[in-house]
Amino acid sequence: DVQLQASGGGLVQAGGSLRLSCAASGLIFDDYVIGWYRQAPGKEREGVSGFSRENGNTYYAASVKGRFTISSDNAKNTVYLQMNNLKPEDTAVYYCAAARGRSARIISAPGASPVETWGHGTQVTVSS
């Protein structure tokens, strides 16, 4: 049974930082890309970042490139999203997801179609 446990959201001022964690269990890690999506009120869900442990491949949406960094602790089966220089427009519910595939870019697929398993959301609020 695949499970994703997300944590690390919170309230931060603009320019601040947060780190999200996604602990995965019950899957063959190398067969999946672990990624982060976000959804703001009234907006569609957006693929933010992804990590492929099979090849170390990463993906970042243009809106977060240079500010967010995704990484993995293989021993803990945990993927982290370090978010720096946060902006009010980063405010959203962030979801961890497991997408079957080997290119981290699959996180950008429309409608999050490659995602097989979702973690619960964690709220990130950035005040101006």
Protein backbone atom coordinates (compact mmCIF):
# COMPACT_ATOMS: atom_id res chain seq x y z
CA ASP A 1 0.00 0.00 0.00
CA VAL A 2 1.65 3.22 -1.19
CA GLN A 3 1.64 6.01 1.33
CA LEU A 4 2.98 9.55 1.15
CA GLN A 5 3.31 11.57 4.31
CA ALA A 6 3.77 15.28 3.72
CA SER A 7 4.78 17.83 6.32
CA GLY A 8 6.43 21.21 6.75
CA GLY A 9 3.93 23.83 5.66
CA GLY A 10 3.24 26.97 7.61
CA LEU A 11 3.02 30.74 7.65
CA VAL A 12 6.02 32.81 6.66
CA GLN A 13 6.71 36.38 5.60
CA ALA A 14 7.71 37.21 2.06
CA GLY A 15 11.39 36.50 1.55
CA GLY A 16 11.36 33.72 4.12
CA SER A 17 11.94 29.99 3.76
CA LEU A 18 10.16 26.73 4.44
CA ARG A 19 11.08 23.10 3.87
CA LEU A 20 8.49 20.53 2.92
CA SER A 21 9.06 16.82 3.46
CA CYS A 22 7.45 13.84 1.75
CA ALA A 23 8.08 10.43 3.29
CA ALA A 24 7.19 7.60 0.92
CA SER A 25 6.51 3.97 1.71
CA GLY A 26 5.16 0.93 -0.08
CA LEU A 27 6.61 1.67 -3.50
CA ILE A 28 9.68 0.82 -5.53
CA PHE A 29 11.25 4.23 -5.34
CA ASP A 30 13.25 3.90 -8.55
CA ASP A 31 10.07 3.37 -10.59
CA TYR A 32 8.56 6.69 -9.55
CA VAL A 33 9.11 10.38 -9.68
CA ILE A 34 8.22 12.03 -6.38
CA GLY A 35 6.93 15.49 -6.94
CA TRP A 36 5.20 18.48 -5.44
CA TYR A 37 2.10 20.14 -6.75
CA ARG A 38 0.30 23.16 -5.44
CA GLN A 39 -3.17 24.57 -5.73
CA ALA A 40 -4.16 28.10 -4.84
CA PRO A 41 -7.79 29.14 -4.38
CA GLY A 42 -9.50 29.51 -7.73
CA LYS A 43 -6.52 28.16 -9.66
CA GLU A 44 -5.68 24.85 -11.25
CA ARG A 45 -3.27 22.44 -9.62
CA GLU A 46 0.29 23.14 -10.79
CA GLY A 47 3.26 20.83 -10.91
CA VAL A 48 6.01 22.63 -8.98
CA SER A 49 8.94 20.27 -8.80
CA GLY A 50 9.90 16.63 -9.22
CA PHE A 51 12.75 14.25 -8.40
CA SER A 52 13.66 10.97 -10.04
CA ARG A 53 15.78 8.82 -7.75
CA GLU A 54 16.49 6.40 -10.58
CA ASN A 55 18.62 8.97 -12.40
CA GLY A 56 18.80 12.03 -10.14
CA ASN A 57 16.79 14.03 -12.66
CA THR A 58 14.96 17.10 -11.35
CA TYR A 59 12.22 19.38 -12.65
CA TYR A 60 11.17 22.87 -11.62
CA ALA A 61 8.32 24.99 -12.85
CA ALA A 62 9.50 28.31 -14.25
CA SER A 63 7.74 30.15 -11.42
CA VAL A 64 9.95 28.55 -8.77
CA LYS A 65 13.23 27.89 -10.58
CA GLY A 66 16.15 29.41 -8.71
CA ARG A 67 14.17 29.66 -5.46
CA PHE A 68 13.10 26.08 -4.75
CA THR A 69 15.37 23.06 -4.48
CA ILE A 70 14.23 19.44 -4.43
CA SER A 71 16.39 16.74 -2.89
CA SER A 72 16.18 13.21 -1.59
CA ASP A 73 17.37 11.30 1.45
CA ASN A 74 17.44 7.81 -0.01
CA ALA A 75 18.01 6.12 3.34
CA LYS A 76 14.79 7.66 4.65
CA ASN A 77 12.80 7.40 1.39
CA THR A 78 12.06 11.07 1.86
CA VAL A 79 11.99 13.88 -0.66
CA TYR A 80 12.41 17.47 0.47
CA LEU A 81 11.39 20.74 -1.14
CA GLN A 82 13.43 23.65 0.17
CA MET A 83 11.59 26.86 -0.63
CA ASN A 84 13.57 30.09 -0.35
CA ASN A 85 12.71 33.69 -1.10
CA LEU A 86 9.03 32.88 -0.81
CA LYS A 87 6.53 35.22 -2.41
CA PRO A 88 2.84 35.81 -1.65
CA GLU A 89 2.00 34.11 -4.95
CA ASP A 90 3.52 30.90 -3.59
CA THR A 91 0.60 30.69 -1.16
CA ALA A 92 -1.23 27.44 -1.84
CA VAL A 93 -1.93 23.97 -0.57
CA TYR A 94 1.07 21.84 -1.50
CA TYR A 95 0.64 18.16 -2.31
CA CYS A 96 3.24 15.44 -2.48
CA ALA A 97 2.67 12.90 -5.26
CA ALA A 98 4.13 9.74 -6.72
CA ALA A 99 4.09 9.59 -10.51
CA ARG A 100 5.16 6.45 -12.34
CA GLY A 101 8.02 7.24 -14.66
CA ARG A 102 11.68 8.12 -14.76
CA SER A 103 11.83 11.67 -16.06
CA ALA A 104 11.15 14.30 -13.42
CA ARG A 105 9.55 16.42 -16.17
CA ILE A 106 6.44 14.23 -16.01
CA ILE A 107 5.39 16.41 -13.09
CA SER A 108 4.59 19.10 -15.66
CA ALA A 109 2.10 16.90 -17.53
CA PRO A 110 -1.36 18.49 -17.87
CA GLY A 111 -3.85 17.44 -15.26
CA ALA A 112 -1.17 15.65 -13.26
CA SER A 113 -2.02 12.60 -15.35
CA PRO A 114 1.02 10.46 -14.38
CA VAL A 115 0.25 10.70 -10.67
CA GLU A 116 -0.79 7.43 -9.08
CA THR A 117 -0.76 8.39 -5.42
CA TRP A 118 -1.34 11.67 -3.61
CA GLY A 119 -0.31 12.65 -0.14
CA HIS A 120 -2.47 14.93 1.94
CA GLY A 121 -2.01 18.63 1.38
CA THR A 122 -0.02 20.99 3.53
CA GLN A 123 -0.83 24.70 3.60
CA VAL A 124 1.86 27.24 2.76
CA THR A 125 0.93 30.85 3.40
CA VAL A 126 3.26 33.71 2.53
CA SER A 127 2.34 37.11 3.89
CA SER A 128 3.42 40.32 2.22
